[in-house]
PDB file of all heavy atoms in Angstrom:
ATOM      1  N   CYS A   1     -75.582 -14.554 -42.328  1.00  0.00           N
ATOM      2  CA  CYS A   1     -75.749 -13.789 -41.092  1.00  0.00           C
ATOM      3  C   CYS A   1     -76.429 -12.451 -41.390  1.00  0.00           C
ATOM      4  O   CYS A   1     -77.391 -12.054 -40.720  1.00  0.00           O
ATOM      5  CB  CYS A   1     -74.401 -13.580 -40.456  1.00  0.00           C
ATOM      6  SG  CYS A   1     -74.461 -12.733 -38.836  1.00  0.00           S
ATOM      7  N   LEU A   2     -75.948 -11.782 -42.436  1.00  0.00           N
ATOM      8  CA  LEU A   2     -76.565 -10.477 -42.781  1.00  0.00           C
ATOM      9  C   LEU A   2     -77.954 -10.642 -43.371  1.00  0.00           C
ATOM     10  O   LEU A   2     -78.863  -9.904 -43.023  1.00  0.00           O
ATOM     11  CB  LEU A   2     -75.652  -9.732 -43.766  1.00  0.00           C
ATOM     12  CG  LEU A   2     -74.537  -8.909 -43.100  1.00  0.00           C
ATOM     13  CD1 LEU A   2     -73.450  -9.781 -42.521  1.00  0.00           C
ATOM     14  CD2 LEU A   2     -73.978  -7.859 -44.005  1.00  0.00           C
ATOM     15  N   ARG A   3     -78.175 -11.701 -44.176  1.00  0.00           N
ATOM     16  CA  ARG A   3     -79.530 -11.958 -44.729  1.00  0.00           C
ATOM     17  C   ARG A   3     -80.535 -12.220 -43.650  1.00  0.00           C
ATOM     18  O   ARG A   3     -81.704 -11.853 -43.734  1.00  0.00           O
ATOM     19  CB  ARG A   3     -79.506 -13.135 -45.730  1.00  0.00           C
ATOM     20  CG  ARG A   3     -79.159 -12.756 -47.136  1.00  0.00           C
ATOM     21  CD  ARG A   3     -79.483 -13.889 -48.070  1.00  0.00           C
ATOM     22  NE  ARG A   3     -78.600 -15.015 -48.021  1.00  0.00           N
ATOM     23  CZ  ARG A   3     -77.446 -15.100 -48.682  1.00  0.00           C
ATOM     24  NH1 ARG A   3     -77.059 -14.111 -49.445  1.00  0.00           N
ATOM     25  NH2 ARG A   3     -76.695 -16.142 -48.587  1.00  0.00           N
ATOM     26  N   LYS A   4     -80.091 -12.903 -42.579  1.00  0.00           N
ATOM     27  CA  LYS A   4     -80.982 -13.284 -41.462  1.00  0.00           C
ATOM     28  C   LYS A   4     -81.124 -12.173 -40.428  1.00  0.00           C
ATOM     29  O   LYS A   4     -81.790 -12.382 -39.394  1.00  0.00           O
ATOM     30  CB  LYS A   4     -80.505 -14.582 -40.837  1.00  0.00           C
ATOM     31  CG  LYS A   4     -80.652 -15.786 -41.751  1.00  0.00           C
ATOM     32  CD  LYS A   4     -79.816 -16.982 -41.257  1.00  0.00           C
ATOM     33  CE  LYS A   4     -80.490 -17.718 -40.164  1.00  0.00           C
ATOM     34  NZ  LYS A   4     -79.775 -18.974 -39.804  1.00  0.00           N
ATOM     35  N   ASN A   5     -80.502 -11.003 -40.720  1.00  0.00           N
ATOM     36  CA  ASN A   5     -80.540  -9.875 -39.762  1.00  0.00           C
ATOM     37  C   ASN A   5     -80.029 -10.281 -38.354  1.00  0.00           C
ATOM     38  O   ASN A   5     -80.588  -9.843 -37.347  1.00  0.00           O
ATOM     39  CB  ASN A   5     -81.932  -9.294 -39.670  1.00  0.00           C
ATOM     40  CG  ASN A   5     -82.324  -8.630 -40.966  1.00  0.00           C
ATOM     41  OD1 ASN A   5     -81.537  -7.911 -41.598  1.00  0.00           O
ATOM     42  ND2 ASN A   5     -83.553  -8.878 -41.404  1.00  0.00           N
ATOM     43  N   LEU A   6     -78.957 -11.025 -38.329  1.00  0.00           N
ATOM     44  CA  LEU A   6     -78.356 -11.430 -37.057  1.00  0.00           C
ATOM     45  C   LEU A   6     -77.105 -10.652 -36.717  1.00  0.00           C
ATOM     46  O   LEU A   6     -76.426 -10.956 -35.730  1.00  0.00           O
ATOM     47  CB  LEU A   6     -77.996 -12.917 -37.128  1.00  0.00           C
ATOM     48  CG  LEU A   6     -79.159 -13.894 -37.149  1.00  0.00           C
ATOM     49  CD1 LEU A   6     -78.715 -15.313 -37.442  1.00  0.00           C
ATOM     50  CD2 LEU A   6     -79.944 -13.828 -35.865  1.00  0.00           C
ATOM     51  N   THR A   7     -76.785  -9.652 -37.499  1.00  0.00           N
ATOM     52  CA  THR A   7     -75.518  -8.893 -37.298  1.00  0.00           C
ATOM     53  C   THR A   7     -75.421  -8.349 -35.866  1.00  0.00           C
ATOM     54  O   THR A   7     -74.419  -8.567 -35.192  1.00  0.00           O
ATOM     55  CB  THR A   7     -75.444  -7.760 -38.320  1.00  0.00           C
ATOM     56  OG1 THR A   7     -75.594  -8.295 -39.618  1.00  0.00           O
ATOM     57  CG2 THR A   7     -74.112  -7.057 -38.244  1.00  0.00           C
ATOM     58  N   GLY A   8     -76.433  -7.643 -35.385  1.00  0.00           N
ATOM     59  CA  GLY A   8     -76.373  -7.073 -34.052  1.00  0.00           C
ATOM     60  C   GLY A   8     -76.294  -8.103 -32.971  1.00  0.00           C
ATOM     61  O   GLY A   8     -75.538  -7.958 -32.005  1.00  0.00           O
ATOM     62  N   GLU A   9     -77.064  -9.171 -33.125  1.00  0.00           N
ATOM     63  CA  GLU A   9     -77.025 -10.265 -32.145  1.00  0.00           C
ATOM     64  C   GLU A   9     -75.642 -10.915 -32.068  1.00  0.00           C
ATOM     65  O   GLU A   9     -75.089 -11.073 -30.962  1.00  0.00           O
ATOM     66  CB  GLU A   9     -78.042 -11.339 -32.549  1.00  0.00           C
ATOM     67  CG  GLU A   9     -78.061 -12.554 -31.653  1.00  0.00           C
ATOM     68  CD  GLU A   9     -78.643 -12.324 -30.286  1.00  0.00           C
ATOM     69  OE1 GLU A   9     -79.504 -11.434 -30.137  1.00  0.00           O
ATOM     70  OE2 GLU A   9     -78.235 -13.049 -29.357  1.00  0.00           O
ATOM     71  N   VAL A  10     -75.039 -11.208 -33.208  1.00  0.00           N
ATOM     72  CA  VAL A  10     -73.711 -11.823 -33.208  1.00  0.00           C
ATOM     73  C   VAL A  10     -72.672 -10.841 -32.708  1.00  0.00           C
ATOM     74  O   VAL A  10     -71.781 -11.205 -31.894  1.00  0.00           O
ATOM     75  CB  VAL A  10     -73.393 -12.407 -34.594  1.00  0.00           C
ATOM     76  CG1 VAL A  10     -71.920 -12.917 -34.666  1.00  0.00           C
ATOM     77  CG2 VAL A  10     -74.384 -13.492 -34.962  1.00  0.00           C
ATOM     78  N   MET A  11     -72.737  -9.591 -33.148  1.00  0.00           N
ATOM     79  CA  MET A  11     -71.752  -8.558 -32.688  1.00  0.00           C
ATOM     80  C   MET A  11     -71.839  -8.397 -31.184  1.00  0.00           C
ATOM     81  O   MET A  11     -70.792  -8.265 -30.498  1.00  0.00           O
ATOM     82  CB  MET A  11     -72.016  -7.234 -33.399  1.00  0.00           C
ATOM     83  CG  MET A  11     -71.695  -7.238 -34.845  1.00  0.00           C
ATOM     84  SD  MET A  11     -69.964  -7.422 -35.243  1.00  0.00           S
ATOM     85  CE  MET A  11     -69.361  -5.887 -34.512  1.00  0.00           C
ATOM     86  N   GLY A  12     -73.039  -8.377 -30.650  1.00  0.00           N
ATOM     87  CA  GLY A  12     -73.185  -8.257 -29.191  1.00  0.00           C
ATOM     88  C   GLY A  12     -72.532  -9.401 -28.434  1.00  0.00           C
ATOM     89  O   GLY A  12     -71.863  -9.213 -27.437  1.00  0.00           O
ATOM     90  N   ARG A  13     -72.699 -10.588 -28.962  1.00  0.00           N
ATOM     91  CA  ARG A  13     -72.103 -11.773 -28.329  1.00  0.00           C
ATOM     92  C   ARG A  13     -70.586 -11.742 -28.429  1.00  0.00           C
ATOM     93  O   ARG A  13     -69.899 -12.142 -27.507  1.00  0.00           O
ATOM     94  CB  ARG A  13     -72.653 -13.042 -28.950  1.00  0.00           C
ATOM     95  CG  ARG A  13     -74.112 -13.328 -28.572  1.00  0.00           C
ATOM     96  CD  ARG A  13     -74.696 -14.482 -29.318  1.00  0.00           C
ATOM     97  NE  ARG A  13     -76.082 -14.659 -29.002  1.00  0.00           N
ATOM     98  CZ  ARG A  13     -76.561 -15.483 -28.062  1.00  0.00           C
ATOM     99  NH1 ARG A  13     -75.727 -16.232 -27.355  1.00  0.00           N
ATOM    100  NH2 ARG A  13     -77.855 -15.560 -27.860  1.00  0.00           N
ATOM    101  N   ILE A  14     -70.072 -11.249 -29.593  1.00  0.00           N
ATOM    102  CA  ILE A  14     -68.630 -11.111 -29.747  1.00  0.00           C
ATOM    103  C   ILE A  14     -68.050 -10.151 -28.692  1.00  0.00           C
ATOM    104  O   ILE A  14     -67.063 -10.470 -28.008  1.00  0.00           O
ATOM    105  CB  ILE A  14     -68.289 -10.644 -31.182  1.00  0.00           C
ATOM    106  CG1 ILE A  14     -68.536 -11.761 -32.188  1.00  0.00           C
ATOM    107  CG2 ILE A  14     -66.838 -10.135 -31.251  1.00  0.00           C
ATOM    108  CD1 ILE A  14     -68.480 -11.344 -33.653  1.00  0.00           C
ATOM    109  N   GLU A  15     -68.676  -9.016 -28.519  1.00  0.00           N
ATOM    110  CA  GLU A  15     -68.233  -8.040 -27.522  1.00  0.00           C
ATOM    111  C   GLU A  15     -68.370  -8.599 -26.092  1.00  0.00           C
ATOM    112  O   GLU A  15     -67.451  -8.420 -25.279  1.00  0.00           O
ATOM    113  CB  GLU A  15     -68.962  -6.736 -27.693  1.00  0.00           C
ATOM    114  CG  GLU A  15     -68.530  -5.986 -28.931  1.00  0.00           C
ATOM    115  CD  GLU A  15     -69.167  -4.638 -29.093  1.00  0.00           C
ATOM    116  OE1 GLU A  15     -70.409  -4.537 -28.900  1.00  0.00           O
ATOM    117  OE2 GLU A  15     -68.441  -3.689 -29.381  1.00  0.00           O
ATOM    118  N   LYS A  16     -69.475  -9.276 -25.818  1.00  0.00           N
ATOM    119  CA  LYS A  16     -69.668  -9.801 -24.464  1.00  0.00           C
ATOM    120  C   LYS A  16     -68.635 -10.899 -24.170  1.00  0.00           C
ATOM    121  O   LYS A  16     -68.305 -11.148 -22.988  1.00  0.00           O
ATOM    122  CB  LYS A  16     -71.066 -10.392 -24.320  1.00  0.00           C
ATOM    123  CG  LYS A  16     -72.118  -9.334 -24.115  1.00  0.00           C
ATOM    124  CD  LYS A  16     -73.499  -9.949 -23.970  1.00  0.00           C
ATOM    125  CE  LYS A  16     -74.518  -8.804 -23.908  1.00  0.00           C
ATOM    126  NZ  LYS A  16     -75.862  -9.228 -24.232  1.00  0.00           N
ATOM    127  N   ALA A  17     -68.121 -11.527 -25.182  1.00  0.00           N
ATOM    128  CA  ALA A  17     -67.060 -12.558 -24.988  1.00  0.00           C
ATOM    129  C   ALA A  17     -65.670 -11.920 -24.798  1.00  0.00           C
ATOM    130  O   ALA A  17     -64.690 -12.662 -24.672  1.00  0.00           O
ATOM    131  CB  ALA A  17     -67.062 -13.524 -26.198  1.00  0.00           C
ATOM    132  N   GLY A  18     -65.594 -10.626 -24.768  1.00  0.00           N
ATOM    133  CA  GLY A  18     -64.334  -9.958 -24.436  1.00  0.00           C
ATOM    134  C   GLY A  18     -63.486  -9.532 -25.650  1.00  0.00           C
ATOM    135  O   GLY A  18     -62.372  -9.042 -25.476  1.00  0.00           O
ATOM    136  N   PHE A  19     -64.022  -9.686 -26.820  1.00  0.00           N
ATOM    137  CA  PHE A  19     -63.279  -9.245 -28.057  1.00  0.00           C
ATOM    138  C   PHE A  19     -63.514  -7.768 -28.273  1.00  0.00           C
ATOM    139  O   PHE A  19     -64.591  -7.271 -28.146  1.00  0.00           O
ATOM    140  CB  PHE A  19     -63.739 -10.030 -29.304  1.00  0.00           C
ATOM    141  CG  PHE A  19     -63.427 -11.460 -29.253  1.00  0.00           C
ATOM    142  CD1 PHE A  19     -64.324 -12.409 -28.725  1.00  0.00           C
ATOM    143  CD2 PHE A  19     -62.207 -11.938 -29.667  1.00  0.00           C
ATOM    144  CE1 PHE A  19     -64.036 -13.732 -28.657  1.00  0.00           C
ATOM    145  CE2 PHE A  19     -61.894 -13.320 -29.613  1.00  0.00           C
ATOM    146  CZ  PHE A  19     -62.812 -14.210 -29.100  1.00  0.00           C
ATOM    147  N   LYS A  20     -62.440  -7.113 -28.648  1.00  0.00           N
ATOM    148  CA  LYS A  20     -62.509  -5.680 -28.968  1.00  0.00           C
ATOM    149  C   LYS A  20     -62.458  -5.524 -30.486  1.00  0.00           C
ATOM    150  O   LYS A  20     -61.616  -6.133 -31.159  1.00  0.00           O
ATOM    151  CB  LYS A  20     -61.297  -4.913 -28.362  1.00  0.00           C
ATOM    152  CG  LYS A  20     -61.305  -3.456 -28.662  1.00  0.00           C
ATOM    153  CD  LYS A  20     -60.148  -2.758 -28.005  1.00  0.00           C
ATOM    154  CE  LYS A  20     -60.210  -1.311 -28.411  1.00  0.00           C
ATOM    155  NZ  LYS A  20     -59.189  -0.555 -27.745  1.00  0.00           N
ATOM    156  N   ILE A  21     -63.385  -4.759 -31.042  1.00  0.00           N
ATOM    157  CA  ILE A  21     -63.445  -4.517 -32.470  1.00  0.00           C
ATOM    158  C   ILE A  21     -62.415  -3.440 -32.798  1.00  0.00           C
ATOM    159  O   ILE A  21     -62.473  -2.331 -32.240  1.00  0.00           O
ATOM    160  CB  ILE A  21     -64.846  -4.059 -32.887  1.00  0.00           C
ATOM    161  CG1 ILE A  21     -65.835  -5.160 -32.620  1.00  0.00           C
ATOM    162  CG2 ILE A  21     -64.868  -3.636 -34.341  1.00  0.00           C
ATOM    163  CD1 ILE A  21     -67.298  -4.734 -32.677  1.00  0.00           C
ATOM    164  N   VAL A  22     -61.458  -3.741 -33.674  1.00  0.00           N
ATOM    165  CA  VAL A  22     -60.461  -2.767 -34.074  1.00  0.00           C
ATOM    166  C   VAL A  22     -60.663  -2.245 -35.486  1.00  0.00           C
ATOM    167  O   VAL A  22     -60.097  -1.228 -35.860  1.00  0.00           O
ATOM    168  CB  VAL A  22     -59.011  -3.265 -33.849  1.00  0.00           C
ATOM    169  CG1 VAL A  22     -58.721  -3.468 -32.352  1.00  0.00           C
ATOM    170  CG2 VAL A  22     -58.723  -4.563 -34.588  1.00  0.00           C
ATOM    171  N   ALA A  23     -61.476  -2.938 -36.279  1.00  0.00           N
ATOM    172  CA  ALA A  23     -61.835  -2.466 -37.627  1.00  0.00           C
ATOM    173  C   ALA A  23     -63.008  -3.356 -38.125  1.00  0.00           C
ATOM    174  O   ALA A  23     -63.064  -4.537 -37.795  1.00  0.00           O
ATOM    175  CB  ALA A  23     -60.706  -2.585 -38.596  1.00  0.00           C
ATOM    176  N   MET A  24     -63.889  -2.750 -38.899  1.00  0.00           N
ATOM    177  CA  MET A  24     -64.957  -3.496 -39.527  1.00  0.00           C
ATOM    178  C   MET A  24     -65.501  -2.756 -40.701  1.00  0.00           C
ATOM    179  O   MET A  24     -65.383  -1.502 -40.773  1.00  0.00           O
ATOM    180  CB  MET A  24     -66.044  -3.884 -38.545  1.00  0.00           C
ATOM    181  CG  MET A  24     -66.875  -2.742 -38.036  1.00  0.00           C
ATOM    182  SD  MET A  24     -68.051  -3.410 -36.804  1.00  0.00           S
ATOM    183  CE  MET A  24     -69.302  -2.228 -37.018  1.00  0.00           C
ATOM    184  N   GLU A  25     -66.110  -3.473 -41.621  1.00  0.00           N
ATOM    185  CA  GLU A  25     -66.725  -2.864 -42.780  1.00  0.00           C
ATOM    186  C   GLU A  25     -67.748  -3.856 -43.345  1.00  0.00           C
ATOM    187  O   GLU A  25     -67.731  -5.043 -42.999  1.00  0.00           O
ATOM    188  CB  GLU A  25     -65.700  -2.518 -43.843  1.00  0.00           C
ATOM    189  CG  GLU A  25     -64.991  -3.717 -44.447  1.00  0.00           C
ATOM    190  CD  GLU A  25     -63.973  -3.312 -45.510  1.00  0.00           C
ATOM    191  OE1 GLU A  25     -64.013  -2.184 -46.027  1.00  0.00           O
ATOM    192  OE2 GLU A  25     -63.114  -4.143 -45.839  1.00  0.00           O
ATOM    193  N   ILE A  26     -68.615  -3.386 -44.183  1.00  0.00           N
ATOM    194  CA  ILE A  26     -69.555  -4.217 -44.903  1.00  0.00           C
ATOM    195  C   ILE A  26     -69.128  -4.184 -46.360  1.00  0.00           C
ATOM    196  O   ILE A  26     -68.954  -3.123 -46.938  1.00  0.00           O
ATOM    197  CB  ILE A  26     -71.015  -3.725 -44.759  1.00  0.00           C
ATOM    198  CG1 ILE A  26     -71.444  -3.833 -43.302  1.00  0.00           C
ATOM    199  CG2 ILE A  26     -71.944  -4.555 -45.650  1.00  0.00           C
ATOM    200  CD1 ILE A  26     -72.842  -3.279 -43.009  1.00  0.00           C
ATOM    201  N   VAL A  27     -68.957  -5.364 -46.953  1.00  0.00           N
ATOM    202  CA  VAL A  27     -68.537  -5.473 -48.343  1.00  0.00           C
ATOM    203  C   VAL A  27     -69.374  -6.513 -49.070  1.00  0.00           C
ATOM    204  O   VAL A  27     -70.013  -7.353 -48.427  1.00  0.00           O
ATOM    205  CB  VAL A  27     -67.048  -5.894 -48.418  1.00  0.00           C
ATOM    206  CG1 VAL A  27     -66.131  -4.863 -47.756  1.00  0.00           C
ATOM    207  CG2 VAL A  27     -66.796  -7.242 -47.836  1.00  0.00           C
ATOM    208  N   LYS A  28     -69.327  -6.480 -50.368  1.00  0.00           N
ATOM    209  CA  LYS A  28     -69.853  -7.546 -51.192  1.00  0.00           C
ATOM    210  C   LYS A  28     -68.701  -8.066 -52.001  1.00  0.00           C
ATOM    211  O   LYS A  28     -68.186  -7.385 -52.888  1.00  0.00           O
ATOM    212  CB  LYS A  28     -70.998  -7.101 -52.106  1.00  0.00           C
ATOM    213  CG  LYS A  28     -71.532  -8.284 -52.923  1.00  0.00           C
ATOM    214  CD  LYS A  28     -72.880  -8.042 -53.457  1.00  0.00           C
ATOM    215  CE  LYS A  28     -73.492  -9.255 -54.110  1.00  0.00           C
ATOM    216  NZ  LYS A  28     -72.679 -10.121 -54.928  1.00  0.00           N
ATOM    217  N   LEU A  29     -68.234  -9.256 -51.656  1.00  0.00           N
ATOM    218  CA  LEU A  29     -67.090  -9.841 -52.372  1.00  0.00           C
ATOM    219  C   LEU A  29     -67.483 -10.188 -53.786  1.00  0.00           C
ATOM    220  O   LEU A  29     -68.547 -10.759 -54.021  1.00  0.00           O
ATOM    221  CB  LEU A  29     -66.623 -11.102 -51.655  1.00  0.00           C
ATOM    222  CG  LEU A  29     -65.991 -10.921 -50.267  1.00  0.00           C
ATOM    223  CD1 LEU A  29     -65.698 -12.294 -49.654  1.00  0.00           C
ATOM    224  CD2 LEU A  29     -64.723 -10.087 -50.347  1.00  0.00           C
ATOM    225  N   THR A  30     -66.610  -9.891 -54.723  1.00  0.00           N
ATOM    226  CA  THR A  30     -66.773 -10.399 -56.100  1.00  0.00           C
ATOM    227  C   THR A  30     -66.372 -11.882 -56.046  1.00  0.00           C
ATOM    228  O   THR A  30     -65.625 -12.302 -55.144  1.00  0.00           O
ATOM    229  CB  THR A  30     -65.880  -9.629 -57.083  1.00  0.00           C
ATOM    230  OG1 THR A  30     -64.521  -9.879 -56.718  1.00  0.00           O
ATOM    231  CG2 THR A  30     -66.159  -8.125 -57.077  1.00  0.00           C
ATOM    232  N   PRO A  31     -66.785 -12.626 -57.047  1.00  0.00           N
ATOM    233  CA  PRO A  31     -66.322 -14.009 -57.101  1.00  0.00           C
ATOM    234  C   PRO A  31     -64.791 -14.096 -57.114  1.00  0.00           C
ATOM    235  O   PRO A  31     -64.209 -14.976 -56.452  1.00  0.00           O
ATOM    236  CB  PRO A  31     -66.956 -14.584 -58.382  1.00  0.00           C
ATOM    237  CG  PRO A  31     -68.198 -13.787 -58.542  1.00  0.00           C
ATOM    238  CD  PRO A  31     -67.832 -12.408 -58.069  1.00  0.00           C
ATOM    239  N   GLN A  32     -64.121 -13.195 -57.833  1.00  0.00           N
ATOM    240  CA  GLN A  32     -62.680 -13.224 -57.880  1.00  0.00           C
ATOM    241  C   GLN A  32     -62.057 -12.930 -56.497  1.00  0.00           C
ATOM    242  O   GLN A  32     -61.108 -13.599 -56.090  1.00  0.00           O
ATOM    243  CB  GLN A  32     -62.154 -12.168 -58.889  1.00  0.00           C
ATOM    244  CG  GLN A  32     -60.653 -12.193 -59.071  1.00  0.00           C
ATOM    245  CD  GLN A  32     -60.063 -13.546 -59.407  1.00  0.00           C
ATOM    246  OE1 GLN A  32     -60.655 -14.318 -60.176  1.00  0.00           O
ATOM    247  NE2 GLN A  32     -58.963 -13.923 -58.774  1.00  0.00           N
TER     248      GLN A  32
END
Protein backbone atom coordinates (compact mmCIF):
# COMPACT_ATOMS: atom_id res chain seq x y z
CA CYS A 1 0.00 0.00 0.00
CA LEU A 2 2.77 2.43 0.93
CA ARG A 3 4.96 1.43 -2.04
CA LYS A 4 2.06 2.06 -4.43
CA ASN A 5 1.36 5.48 -2.83
CA LEU A 6 -2.20 4.46 -1.94
CA THR A 7 -2.06 5.60 1.68
CA GLY A 8 -4.18 8.73 1.18
CA GLU A 9 -6.70 6.95 -1.02
CA VAL A 10 -7.18 4.08 1.44
CA MET A 11 -7.25 6.40 4.48
CA GLY A 12 -9.91 8.54 2.80
CA ARG A 13 -12.06 5.48 2.15
CA ILE A 14 -11.61 4.32 5.76
CA GLU A 15 -12.83 7.68 7.07
CA LYS A 16 -15.72 7.85 4.58
CA ALA A 17 -16.80 4.41 5.82
CA GLY A 18 -17.32 5.95 9.27
CA PHE A 19 -14.18 4.78 11.06
CA LYS A 20 -12.50 7.21 13.42
CA ILE A 21 -8.71 7.17 13.60
CA VAL A 22 -7.62 7.03 17.25
CA ALA A 23 -3.89 6.35 16.67
CA MET A 24 -1.56 5.77 13.75
CA GLU A 25 2.12 5.65 12.92
CA ILE A 26 4.49 4.62 10.15
CA VAL A 27 6.91 1.85 11.07
CA LYS A 28 9.28 -0.60 9.43
CA LEU A 29 8.85 -3.94 11.12
CA THR A 30 11.96 -5.98 11.73
CA PRO A 31 11.66 -9.64 10.76
CA GLN A 32 11.54 -10.48 14.49
